[in-house]
């Protein structure tokens, strides 16, 4: 059974097998978690992302999917990039958000990762309400068939940490 833990702080400072990046579909860096991972991880991550774009993902990574690259200078072996959905008041995109967590864990299993750090995917600039994002994240990880031993949700601030803590017994 996967152990779920919480940490408040900077995901780029985590010592884990894989860090999940809340990427944009271009895979070429951006703001928030994505920008922080690219900055701290260094040019090797961007080089891998460019190779992915030149081969299988010429139009970008589809929402809900996940791919892995080197972790560059991060204290991890891999970065797993996933593209979360933009929140919508009129469309239910919760399955796409759940897919980000499932597909990231599937990729982690393929890599042999045993510890994985996740941010709160889509809850920043993509506007997903934190409480609902936390519910979907924790439920999806709990229900996942994975060999990952620890999933660590790394939350940037106290509000996010508390939203995730409310989802744990």
N, C-alpha and C. Protein backbone atom coordinates (compact mmCIF):
# COMPACT_ATOMS: atom_id res chain seq x y z
N UNK A 1 0.84 -1.20 0.00
CA UNK A 1 0.00 0.00 0.00
C UNK A 1 0.88 1.25 0.00
N UNK A 2 0.48 2.21 -0.79
CA UNK A 2 1.23 3.45 -0.92
C UNK A 2 1.00 4.34 0.31
N UNK A 3 2.07 4.81 0.89
CA UNK A 3 1.99 5.74 2.02
C UNK A 3 1.89 7.15 1.43
N UNK A 4 0.91 7.92 1.92
CA UNK A 4 0.73 9.29 1.48
C UNK A 4 1.22 10.21 2.59
N UNK A 5 2.15 11.10 2.24
CA UNK A 5 2.66 12.08 3.21
C UNK A 5 2.49 13.48 2.64
N UNK A 6 2.56 14.46 3.53
CA UNK A 6 2.44 15.86 3.13
C UNK A 6 3.66 16.63 3.58
N UNK A 7 4.05 17.61 2.79
CA UNK A 7 5.13 18.52 3.17
C UNK A 7 4.74 19.90 2.66
N UNK A 8 5.06 20.91 3.43
CA UNK A 8 4.86 22.27 2.97
C UNK A 8 6.21 22.82 2.57
N UNK A 9 6.30 23.37 1.37
CA UNK A 9 7.57 23.93 0.95
C UNK A 9 7.77 23.87 -0.54
N UNK A 10 9.03 23.79 -0.92
CA UNK A 10 9.48 23.88 -2.30
C UNK A 10 9.71 22.48 -2.86
N UNK A 11 8.93 22.10 -3.85
CA UNK A 11 9.04 20.75 -4.43
C UNK A 11 10.43 20.52 -5.04
N UNK A 12 11.10 21.57 -5.48
CA UNK A 12 12.41 21.40 -6.10
C UNK A 12 13.49 21.04 -5.08
N UNK A 13 13.17 21.10 -3.80
CA UNK A 13 14.12 20.76 -2.73
C UNK A 13 13.91 19.35 -2.19
N UNK A 14 13.00 18.60 -2.78
CA UNK A 14 12.69 17.26 -2.30
C UNK A 14 13.72 16.24 -2.78
N UNK A 15 14.04 15.31 -1.89
CA UNK A 15 14.93 14.20 -2.22
C UNK A 15 14.05 12.96 -2.40
N UNK A 16 13.73 12.66 -3.65
CA UNK A 16 12.84 11.55 -4.01
C UNK A 16 13.33 10.93 -5.31
N UNK A 17 12.76 9.80 -5.68
CA UNK A 17 13.11 9.20 -6.97
C UNK A 17 12.60 10.05 -8.13
N UNK A 18 11.36 10.54 -8.01
CA UNK A 18 10.76 11.32 -9.10
C UNK A 18 9.98 12.50 -8.55
N UNK A 19 10.15 13.62 -9.21
CA UNK A 19 9.37 14.83 -8.92
C UNK A 19 8.41 15.03 -10.08
N UNK A 20 7.14 15.24 -9.76
CA UNK A 20 6.15 15.48 -10.80
C UNK A 20 6.08 16.98 -11.06
N UNK A 21 6.13 17.32 -12.34
CA UNK A 21 6.04 18.69 -12.79
C UNK A 21 4.65 18.97 -13.33
N UNK A 22 4.00 20.00 -12.80
CA UNK A 22 2.74 20.48 -13.36
C UNK A 22 3.11 21.33 -14.58
N UNK A 23 3.31 20.67 -15.69
CA UNK A 23 3.85 21.29 -16.90
C UNK A 23 2.76 21.91 -17.75
N UNK A 24 3.18 22.72 -18.69
CA UNK A 24 2.25 23.13 -19.75
C UNK A 24 2.50 22.21 -20.94
N UNK A 25 1.60 22.20 -21.89
CA UNK A 25 1.68 21.21 -22.96
C UNK A 25 2.93 21.37 -23.83
N UNK A 26 3.53 22.54 -23.84
CA UNK A 26 4.72 22.74 -24.67
C UNK A 26 5.93 21.96 -24.15
N UNK A 27 5.93 21.64 -22.86
CA UNK A 27 7.05 20.98 -22.17
C UNK A 27 8.31 21.84 -22.11
N UNK A 28 8.20 23.12 -22.45
CA UNK A 28 9.39 23.94 -22.55
C UNK A 28 9.56 24.93 -21.39
N UNK A 29 8.91 24.64 -20.29
CA UNK A 29 9.02 25.51 -19.13
C UNK A 29 7.91 26.53 -19.11
N UNK A 30 7.78 27.20 -17.99
CA UNK A 30 6.72 28.19 -17.83
C UNK A 30 6.82 28.83 -16.47
N UNK A 31 5.68 29.14 -15.89
CA UNK A 31 5.64 29.76 -14.57
C UNK A 31 5.40 28.73 -13.48
N UNK A 32 5.25 29.20 -12.26
CA UNK A 32 4.90 28.35 -11.13
C UNK A 32 5.86 27.20 -10.93
N UNK A 33 5.29 26.02 -10.62
CA UNK A 33 6.08 24.82 -10.38
C UNK A 33 6.94 24.49 -11.60
N UNK A 34 6.35 24.61 -12.78
CA UNK A 34 7.04 24.29 -14.02
C UNK A 34 8.32 25.11 -14.17
N UNK A 35 8.21 26.41 -14.00
CA UNK A 35 9.38 27.28 -14.11
C UNK A 35 10.42 26.98 -13.05
N UNK A 36 9.95 26.72 -11.82
CA UNK A 36 10.88 26.44 -10.72
C UNK A 36 11.66 25.15 -10.98
N UNK A 37 11.00 24.13 -11.48
CA UNK A 37 11.66 22.85 -11.76
C UNK A 37 12.69 23.04 -12.88
N UNK A 38 12.33 23.76 -13.93
CA UNK A 38 13.28 24.00 -15.03
C UNK A 38 14.46 24.84 -14.57
N UNK A 39 14.21 25.87 -13.75
CA UNK A 39 15.31 26.72 -13.28
C UNK A 39 16.27 25.93 -12.39
N UNK A 40 15.75 25.24 -11.39
CA UNK A 40 16.62 24.54 -10.44
C UNK A 40 17.23 23.28 -11.08
N UNK A 41 16.48 22.62 -11.94
CA UNK A 41 16.98 21.40 -12.57
C UNK A 41 18.03 21.64 -13.63
N UNK A 42 18.04 22.84 -14.19
CA UNK A 42 19.05 23.18 -15.17
C UNK A 42 18.71 22.77 -16.59
N UNK A 43 19.65 22.98 -17.51
CA UNK A 43 19.39 22.82 -18.94
C UNK A 43 19.16 21.38 -19.40
N UNK A 44 19.56 20.40 -18.61
CA UNK A 44 19.37 19.00 -19.04
C UNK A 44 17.89 18.65 -19.16
N UNK A 45 17.06 19.21 -18.28
CA UNK A 45 15.62 18.93 -18.35
C UNK A 45 15.04 19.50 -19.64
N UNK A 46 15.36 20.74 -19.92
CA UNK A 46 14.87 21.38 -21.15
C UNK A 46 15.36 20.63 -22.38
N UNK A 47 16.60 20.17 -22.37
CA UNK A 47 17.14 19.42 -23.51
C UNK A 47 16.33 18.14 -23.73
N UNK A 48 16.02 17.42 -22.65
CA UNK A 48 15.18 16.21 -22.78
C UNK A 48 13.79 16.56 -23.30
N UNK A 49 13.22 17.64 -22.78
CA UNK A 49 11.89 18.06 -23.23
C UNK A 49 11.90 18.41 -24.72
N UNK A 50 12.96 19.06 -25.15
CA UNK A 50 13.06 19.39 -26.59
C UNK A 50 13.14 18.12 -27.44
N UNK A 51 13.86 17.12 -26.94
CA UNK A 51 13.93 15.83 -27.67
C UNK A 51 12.54 15.19 -27.76
N UNK A 52 11.77 15.25 -26.67
CA UNK A 52 10.41 14.70 -26.69
C UNK A 52 9.55 15.44 -27.71
N UNK A 53 9.66 16.77 -27.73
CA UNK A 53 8.88 17.57 -28.68
C UNK A 53 9.28 17.24 -30.12
N UNK A 54 10.56 16.97 -30.35
CA UNK A 54 11.04 16.68 -31.70
C UNK A 54 10.65 15.28 -32.15
N UNK A 55 10.32 14.40 -31.21
CA UNK A 55 9.99 13.02 -31.59
C UNK A 55 8.49 12.75 -31.48
N UNK A 56 8.03 12.36 -30.31
CA UNK A 56 6.65 11.91 -30.14
C UNK A 56 5.63 13.01 -29.88
N UNK A 57 6.07 14.15 -29.41
CA UNK A 57 5.12 15.16 -28.94
C UNK A 57 5.28 16.49 -29.67
N UNK A 58 5.29 16.41 -30.99
CA UNK A 58 5.46 17.61 -31.81
C UNK A 58 4.40 18.67 -31.56
N UNK A 59 3.20 18.24 -31.22
CA UNK A 59 2.11 19.19 -30.94
C UNK A 59 1.97 19.45 -29.44
N UNK A 60 2.88 18.91 -28.65
CA UNK A 60 2.82 19.09 -27.20
C UNK A 60 2.25 17.87 -26.51
N UNK A 61 2.37 17.85 -25.20
CA UNK A 61 1.86 16.75 -24.39
C UNK A 61 0.38 16.97 -24.11
N UNK A 62 -0.47 16.00 -24.43
CA UNK A 62 -1.90 16.17 -24.17
C UNK A 62 -2.22 16.24 -22.67
N UNK A 63 -3.26 16.97 -22.35
CA UNK A 63 -3.74 17.08 -20.97
C UNK A 63 -4.05 15.69 -20.41
N UNK A 64 -3.59 15.45 -19.18
CA UNK A 64 -3.85 14.18 -18.51
C UNK A 64 -2.81 13.11 -18.76
N UNK A 65 -1.87 13.36 -19.66
CA UNK A 65 -0.82 12.39 -19.96
C UNK A 65 0.45 12.74 -19.17
N UNK A 66 1.43 11.84 -19.18
CA UNK A 66 2.68 12.07 -18.45
C UNK A 66 3.85 11.48 -19.21
N UNK A 67 4.98 12.18 -19.15
CA UNK A 67 6.25 11.72 -19.73
C UNK A 67 7.36 12.01 -18.73
N UNK A 68 8.46 11.28 -18.87
CA UNK A 68 9.57 11.45 -17.93
C UNK A 68 10.81 11.96 -18.64
N UNK A 69 11.59 12.75 -17.89
CA UNK A 69 12.90 13.21 -18.35
C UNK A 69 13.89 13.03 -17.20
N UNK A 70 15.13 13.35 -17.49
CA UNK A 70 16.13 13.43 -16.43
C UNK A 70 15.67 14.48 -15.41
N UNK A 71 16.25 14.44 -14.23
CA UNK A 71 15.98 15.47 -13.22
C UNK A 71 17.07 16.52 -13.19
N UNK A 72 18.06 16.38 -14.04
CA UNK A 72 19.12 17.39 -14.09
C UNK A 72 19.79 17.56 -12.73
N UNK A 73 19.81 18.78 -12.23
CA UNK A 73 20.47 19.12 -10.98
C UNK A 73 19.59 18.94 -9.75
N UNK A 74 18.37 18.46 -9.91
CA UNK A 74 17.48 18.22 -8.77
C UNK A 74 17.95 16.98 -8.01
N UNK A 75 17.55 16.85 -6.74
CA UNK A 75 17.89 15.68 -5.93
C UNK A 75 16.86 14.59 -6.17
N UNK A 76 16.77 14.17 -7.43
CA UNK A 76 15.83 13.14 -7.87
C UNK A 76 16.46 12.49 -9.09
N UNK A 77 15.92 11.35 -9.48
CA UNK A 77 16.43 10.69 -10.69
C UNK A 77 15.69 11.17 -11.94
N UNK A 78 14.38 11.44 -11.76
CA UNK A 78 13.53 11.79 -12.89
C UNK A 78 12.59 12.93 -12.55
N UNK A 79 12.18 13.63 -13.60
CA UNK A 79 11.03 14.53 -13.52
C UNK A 79 9.96 13.91 -14.41
N UNK A 80 8.78 13.76 -13.84
CA UNK A 80 7.62 13.28 -14.60
C UNK A 80 6.76 14.51 -14.88
N UNK A 81 6.61 14.83 -16.14
CA UNK A 81 5.85 16.01 -16.57
C UNK A 81 4.42 15.59 -16.89
N UNK A 82 3.45 16.30 -16.34
CA UNK A 82 2.05 16.04 -16.66
C UNK A 82 1.35 17.37 -16.85
N UNK A 83 0.37 17.38 -17.75
CA UNK A 83 -0.35 18.61 -18.06
C UNK A 83 -1.74 18.52 -17.46
N UNK A 84 -1.97 19.36 -16.46
CA UNK A 84 -3.29 19.40 -15.82
C UNK A 84 -4.29 20.19 -16.64
N UNK A 85 -5.57 19.93 -16.39
CA UNK A 85 -6.61 20.68 -17.09
C UNK A 85 -6.82 22.06 -16.46
N UNK A 86 -7.26 23.00 -17.29
CA UNK A 86 -7.71 24.30 -16.80
C UNK A 86 -9.11 24.07 -16.23
N UNK A 87 -9.36 24.60 -15.03
CA UNK A 87 -10.68 24.43 -14.41
C UNK A 87 -11.74 25.14 -15.22
N UNK A 88 -12.91 24.55 -15.27
CA UNK A 88 -14.04 25.12 -15.99
C UNK A 88 -15.28 25.06 -15.11
N UNK A 89 -16.06 26.12 -15.11
CA UNK A 89 -17.34 26.12 -14.38
C UNK A 89 -18.39 25.31 -15.14
N UNK A 90 -18.24 25.20 -16.46
CA UNK A 90 -19.29 24.58 -17.27
C UNK A 90 -18.98 23.15 -17.72
N UNK A 91 -17.72 22.75 -17.67
CA UNK A 91 -17.34 21.39 -18.08
C UNK A 91 -16.70 20.66 -16.91
N UNK A 92 -17.05 19.39 -16.73
CA UNK A 92 -16.43 18.58 -15.67
C UNK A 92 -15.14 17.97 -16.23
N UNK A 93 -14.01 18.50 -15.80
CA UNK A 93 -12.71 18.02 -16.26
C UNK A 93 -11.99 17.22 -15.17
N UNK A 94 -12.74 16.78 -14.16
CA UNK A 94 -12.11 16.09 -13.02
C UNK A 94 -11.44 14.79 -13.45
N UNK A 95 -11.96 14.11 -14.46
CA UNK A 95 -11.32 12.87 -14.92
C UNK A 95 -9.95 13.16 -15.52
N UNK A 96 -9.81 14.29 -16.19
CA UNK A 96 -8.49 14.66 -16.74
C UNK A 96 -7.50 14.96 -15.61
N UNK A 97 -7.98 15.59 -14.54
CA UNK A 97 -7.10 15.85 -13.41
C UNK A 97 -6.68 14.54 -12.74
N UNK A 98 -7.63 13.65 -12.53
CA UNK A 98 -7.30 12.34 -11.95
C UNK A 98 -6.31 11.60 -12.84
N UNK A 99 -6.47 11.72 -14.15
CA UNK A 99 -5.57 11.06 -15.09
C UNK A 99 -4.13 11.54 -14.92
N UNK A 100 -3.93 12.80 -14.59
CA UNK A 100 -2.57 13.31 -14.35
C UNK A 100 -1.88 12.51 -13.26
N UNK A 101 -2.59 12.24 -12.17
CA UNK A 101 -2.01 11.49 -11.05
C UNK A 101 -1.81 10.02 -11.42
N UNK A 102 -2.82 9.41 -12.05
CA UNK A 102 -2.71 8.00 -12.47
C UNK A 102 -1.57 7.79 -13.46
N UNK A 103 -1.52 8.63 -14.48
CA UNK A 103 -0.50 8.48 -15.53
C UNK A 103 0.90 8.76 -14.98
N UNK A 104 1.02 9.71 -14.06
CA UNK A 104 2.32 9.97 -13.44
C UNK A 104 2.77 8.76 -12.63
N UNK A 105 1.86 8.14 -11.90
CA UNK A 105 2.22 6.94 -11.13
C UNK A 105 2.55 5.77 -12.06
N UNK A 106 1.83 5.66 -13.17
CA UNK A 106 2.14 4.60 -14.14
C UNK A 106 3.55 4.80 -14.70
N UNK A 107 3.87 6.02 -15.02
CA UNK A 107 5.22 6.33 -15.53
C UNK A 107 6.25 6.05 -14.44
N UNK A 108 5.96 6.41 -13.19
CA UNK A 108 6.87 6.12 -12.07
C UNK A 108 7.11 4.62 -11.95
N UNK A 109 6.06 3.82 -12.10
CA UNK A 109 6.21 2.37 -12.04
C UNK A 109 7.11 1.87 -13.16
N UNK A 110 6.93 2.40 -14.36
CA UNK A 110 7.78 2.00 -15.49
C UNK A 110 9.25 2.31 -15.22
N UNK A 111 9.50 3.39 -14.52
CA UNK A 111 10.86 3.81 -14.22
C UNK A 111 11.46 3.07 -13.02
N UNK A 112 10.60 2.48 -12.19
CA UNK A 112 11.06 1.84 -10.97
C UNK A 112 11.16 2.80 -9.80
N UNK A 113 10.52 3.94 -9.89
CA UNK A 113 10.53 4.93 -8.80
C UNK A 113 9.72 4.42 -7.62
N UNK A 114 10.25 4.59 -6.43
CA UNK A 114 9.54 4.18 -5.21
C UNK A 114 9.04 5.35 -4.39
N UNK A 115 9.64 6.53 -4.58
CA UNK A 115 9.18 7.74 -3.89
C UNK A 115 8.92 8.81 -4.94
N UNK A 116 7.75 9.44 -4.84
CA UNK A 116 7.32 10.43 -5.84
C UNK A 116 6.76 11.64 -5.11
N UNK A 117 7.22 12.82 -5.52
CA UNK A 117 6.70 14.09 -4.98
C UNK A 117 5.79 14.74 -6.01
N UNK A 118 4.57 15.05 -5.59
CA UNK A 118 3.58 15.71 -6.44
C UNK A 118 3.30 17.13 -5.94
N UNK A 119 3.10 18.08 -6.85
CA UNK A 119 2.50 19.35 -6.46
C UNK A 119 0.97 19.19 -6.49
N UNK A 120 0.27 20.24 -6.17
CA UNK A 120 -1.19 20.26 -6.29
C UNK A 120 -1.51 20.68 -7.74
N UNK A 121 -1.60 19.70 -8.61
CA UNK A 121 -1.75 19.94 -10.05
C UNK A 121 -3.02 20.74 -10.35
N UNK A 122 -2.88 21.72 -11.21
CA UNK A 122 -3.96 22.57 -11.75
C UNK A 122 -4.54 23.57 -10.75
N UNK A 123 -4.04 23.61 -9.50
CA UNK A 123 -4.64 24.49 -8.50
C UNK A 123 -4.05 25.90 -8.50
N UNK A 124 -3.06 26.14 -9.33
CA UNK A 124 -2.48 27.48 -9.41
C UNK A 124 -3.13 28.28 -10.51
N UNK A 125 -2.35 28.63 -11.51
CA UNK A 125 -2.81 29.48 -12.61
C UNK A 125 -3.97 28.83 -13.39
N UNK A 126 -4.09 27.48 -13.32
CA UNK A 126 -5.17 26.80 -14.04
C UNK A 126 -6.49 26.84 -13.28
N UNK A 127 -6.49 27.43 -12.07
CA UNK A 127 -7.72 27.80 -11.40
C UNK A 127 -8.53 26.72 -10.71
N UNK A 128 -7.98 25.51 -10.56
CA UNK A 128 -8.77 24.45 -9.92
C UNK A 128 -8.93 24.78 -8.44
N UNK A 129 -10.16 24.71 -7.89
CA UNK A 129 -10.35 24.98 -6.45
C UNK A 129 -9.52 24.01 -5.61
N UNK A 130 -8.78 24.55 -4.66
CA UNK A 130 -7.83 23.75 -3.88
C UNK A 130 -8.49 22.56 -3.18
N UNK A 131 -9.63 22.76 -2.53
CA UNK A 131 -10.25 21.65 -1.81
C UNK A 131 -10.62 20.50 -2.75
N UNK A 132 -11.17 20.83 -3.91
CA UNK A 132 -11.55 19.81 -4.87
C UNK A 132 -10.30 19.16 -5.49
N UNK A 133 -9.29 19.97 -5.77
CA UNK A 133 -8.04 19.41 -6.30
C UNK A 133 -7.41 18.45 -5.32
N UNK A 134 -7.44 18.78 -4.04
CA UNK A 134 -6.88 17.90 -3.01
C UNK A 134 -7.67 16.60 -2.94
N UNK A 135 -8.99 16.71 -2.99
CA UNK A 135 -9.84 15.51 -2.93
C UNK A 135 -9.52 14.57 -4.09
N UNK A 136 -9.48 15.11 -5.30
CA UNK A 136 -9.21 14.29 -6.49
C UNK A 136 -7.81 13.68 -6.39
N UNK A 137 -6.83 14.46 -5.97
CA UNK A 137 -5.45 13.96 -5.87
C UNK A 137 -5.36 12.79 -4.89
N UNK A 138 -5.85 12.99 -3.69
CA UNK A 138 -5.73 11.96 -2.65
C UNK A 138 -6.54 10.72 -3.01
N UNK A 139 -7.77 10.90 -3.48
CA UNK A 139 -8.58 9.73 -3.87
C UNK A 139 -7.92 8.94 -4.99
N UNK A 140 -7.38 9.64 -5.98
CA UNK A 140 -6.77 8.97 -7.12
C UNK A 140 -5.54 8.18 -6.69
N UNK A 141 -4.70 8.79 -5.87
CA UNK A 141 -3.50 8.09 -5.40
C UNK A 141 -3.89 6.90 -4.53
N UNK A 142 -4.87 7.08 -3.64
CA UNK A 142 -5.32 5.96 -2.79
C UNK A 142 -5.80 4.78 -3.62
N UNK A 143 -6.50 5.07 -4.71
CA UNK A 143 -7.11 4.01 -5.53
C UNK A 143 -6.16 3.44 -6.58
N UNK A 144 -5.00 4.04 -6.74
CA UNK A 144 -4.08 3.63 -7.81
C UNK A 144 -3.45 2.27 -7.52
N UNK A 145 -3.32 1.50 -8.57
CA UNK A 145 -2.58 0.23 -8.50
C UNK A 145 -1.14 0.55 -8.88
N UNK A 146 -0.29 0.74 -7.88
CA UNK A 146 1.08 1.19 -8.12
C UNK A 146 2.05 0.53 -7.15
N UNK A 147 3.29 0.42 -7.58
CA UNK A 147 4.35 -0.10 -6.71
C UNK A 147 5.06 1.04 -5.97
N UNK A 148 4.67 2.29 -6.24
CA UNK A 148 5.26 3.43 -5.54
C UNK A 148 4.97 3.27 -4.05
N UNK A 149 6.02 3.39 -3.25
CA UNK A 149 5.88 3.18 -1.80
C UNK A 149 5.43 4.44 -1.07
N UNK A 150 5.91 5.61 -1.52
CA UNK A 150 5.51 6.87 -0.88
C UNK A 150 5.17 7.90 -1.93
N UNK A 151 3.99 8.49 -1.79
CA UNK A 151 3.61 9.68 -2.54
C UNK A 151 3.62 10.82 -1.55
N UNK A 152 4.43 11.81 -1.85
CA UNK A 152 4.55 13.00 -1.00
C UNK A 152 3.93 14.17 -1.76
N UNK A 153 2.85 14.71 -1.22
CA UNK A 153 2.29 15.92 -1.79
C UNK A 153 3.04 17.09 -1.17
N UNK A 154 3.69 17.87 -2.03
CA UNK A 154 4.49 19.01 -1.56
C UNK A 154 3.70 20.26 -1.90
N UNK A 155 3.20 20.91 -0.84
CA UNK A 155 2.30 22.03 -0.99
C UNK A 155 3.01 23.33 -0.67
N UNK A 156 2.79 24.31 -1.52
CA UNK A 156 3.53 25.55 -1.45
C UNK A 156 3.20 26.39 -0.22
N UNK A 157 1.92 26.41 0.17
CA UNK A 157 1.53 27.27 1.29
C UNK A 157 0.64 26.53 2.29
N UNK A 158 0.34 27.21 3.37
CA UNK A 158 -0.44 26.60 4.46
C UNK A 158 -1.85 26.25 4.02
N UNK A 159 -2.47 27.08 3.19
CA UNK A 159 -3.84 26.81 2.72
C UNK A 159 -3.88 25.49 1.94
N UNK A 160 -2.93 25.29 1.07
CA UNK A 160 -2.88 24.05 0.29
C UNK A 160 -2.60 22.86 1.20
N UNK A 161 -1.66 23.03 2.11
CA UNK A 161 -1.32 21.95 3.04
C UNK A 161 -2.57 21.53 3.83
N UNK A 162 -3.30 22.50 4.33
CA UNK A 162 -4.50 22.19 5.13
C UNK A 162 -5.58 21.53 4.29
N UNK A 163 -5.73 21.95 3.04
CA UNK A 163 -6.72 21.31 2.16
C UNK A 163 -6.39 19.84 1.95
N UNK A 164 -5.11 19.52 1.76
CA UNK A 164 -4.71 18.13 1.60
C UNK A 164 -4.83 17.37 2.92
N UNK A 165 -4.47 18.01 4.02
CA UNK A 165 -4.55 17.34 5.33
C UNK A 165 -5.99 16.94 5.65
N UNK A 166 -6.96 17.74 5.22
CA UNK A 166 -8.37 17.40 5.46
C UNK A 166 -8.79 16.14 4.72
N UNK A 167 -8.05 15.75 3.68
CA UNK A 167 -8.38 14.55 2.91
C UNK A 167 -7.79 13.27 3.50
N UNK A 168 -6.92 13.42 4.47
CA UNK A 168 -6.25 12.25 5.07
C UNK A 168 -6.88 11.92 6.42
N UNK A 169 -6.94 10.62 6.75
CA UNK A 169 -7.57 10.24 8.03
C UNK A 169 -6.75 10.70 9.22
